[in-house]
Amino acid sequence: MPTGSSQGGSTGQVEILHSGYFARRNAFDWVLALAVICGCVFAFMQYHAAMDVYEKGILIAAVPCAIMLAWFWRPLGILMLVVAGLSLAGIVSYQGNLARAETVFWLKYFLSSQSAILWMSMLFFMSTVFYWIGVFAKGRAEGMELVASRLVWVAVTMALTGTMVRWYESYLLGADIGHIPVSNLYEVFVMFCWMTATFYLYFEAQYKTRALGAFVMLVVSAAVGFLLWYTVVRQAHEIQPLVPALKSWWMKLHVPANFIGYGTFALSAMVAFAYLIKQQATETRWYKLAPLWLLGVVLCFEPIVFRKSAVAGMSDYWAVYFGISALIVASIVFGRQRIAARLPSFEILDDVMYKAIAVGFAFFTIATVLGALWAAEAWGGYWSWDPKETWALIVWLNYAAWLHMRLMKGLRGTVAAWWALAGLAVTTFAFIGVNMFLSGLHSYGTL
């Protein structure tokens, strides 16, 4: 009898849990779920002839994933609806003619892929400025940070809209050219920007603090700075046909999973930097302010490497970039006590750092496995010790060791922060350094 009662009670608890989960859904949640399902059905009916069985499977699997994400964090549902509306407005405005991008007002200035991505770039820069104003402002800090947060949301919206419209534009160029826009360095930099920013917005909402935005948006703005330079130097915004190895459904899974890892690793590094700044807020010995000098090296990395651009005038661009980077570092050095006072507690910083790395590691592991399966299909082997593969393994081992030390040995504090910050250098080289200095099977986004 006790066993039966226990089993009955357990079953009742499960039923209550399930009932409670769906009972918490409001009208918006169900409308959103219906919209996602209808969108999937429309896409399937419209484009099923152009999809293979794997792509159809991805489309169908995307439905519950999108609904679960929107239910997990409702702002994502709103973002989905807004992006869908803007993307459809842009697609309809084309009327099947790519030339309309120069004649239709909304396309030319807002909704074409290049216009939307330029808006994204400007808004990310503006959000960074407002976050830092909020850090140093007296009396109106919360208002400035709120404006910055809203600007990040709009920037993410424009980035996703630009990505969706670019996908459609690629098919207007030709059915054999059309592809999901995650195939080259320009496209994945856009993905890195909005993905890093979106994860930050989630942590901002969960921990109810906007002070970390000043740090996280620095790495996003640095990526935007590179993106703008790369656009001018390589005309990278122009849509190019895929190389044969990339004409695979694996790309739709492998690349996004990879960049969830890159984005969250970058986020964790900037949180680690904030941790070290807070820790050394009262330090007066300049040689002890190593994290600040390290940030200076990182921020000045781009102008040092890319200053010898072959494009006229681009050396001036990097000179300005260098000057702004130096100004940021100097401001942090002299304002570190004010910054530390605005930052959340060490416990929150440590927790955000850990959760960002944990999420990134999970998706980076998935991406690595998917990449091996893709390599087997494309090149006949799961692993070839290509430079990109080798550095991906180094990144994986670095964060696997970090998590092992955290979970098994209780790694916390200064060592964990320094390790996470150093991980940014490793991740950056795997992301872009391999393309710059090495060659191999993965050299699709050369500089």
Foldseek 3Di string as FASTA:
>chain_A
DVVVVVVVVVVVVVVVVVVVLVVPDDPLLVVLLVVLVVVLVVCCVVCVVVDDPVVNVVSVVVSVVQSVVCSVPVVSSVLVVLLVVLLVVLVVQCVLPPVCCCVDVCNVQAQALVNLLVLLLVLLVQLLVLLVCLLPPPPCNVVSLVVSLVSLSSSLSSLSSSQSNVQVVQCSVHVQQHDRQLAADLSLLSVLLSLLSVVVSVLCVVVVASNLVNQSSVVSNLSSLVNVVCCVQVVVVDRDGHDVLPPDPLCVQQRNLLSLLLSLLSSLLSLLLLLVLLVCVPPDDVVVSVSLVVQLCVQLVVLVVCLPGPDPPVVVVSVVSNVVSVVVSVCCVVCSNSSSVRDDDQVSSFVSSVVSLVSSLVSLVVSLQSCLVSCCVRPVGSDDVWVLNVLSVVLNVLSVVLVCCCVPVVDGDNVSSVSSNVSNVSSVCSSPVCLAPHDDPSNRHHD
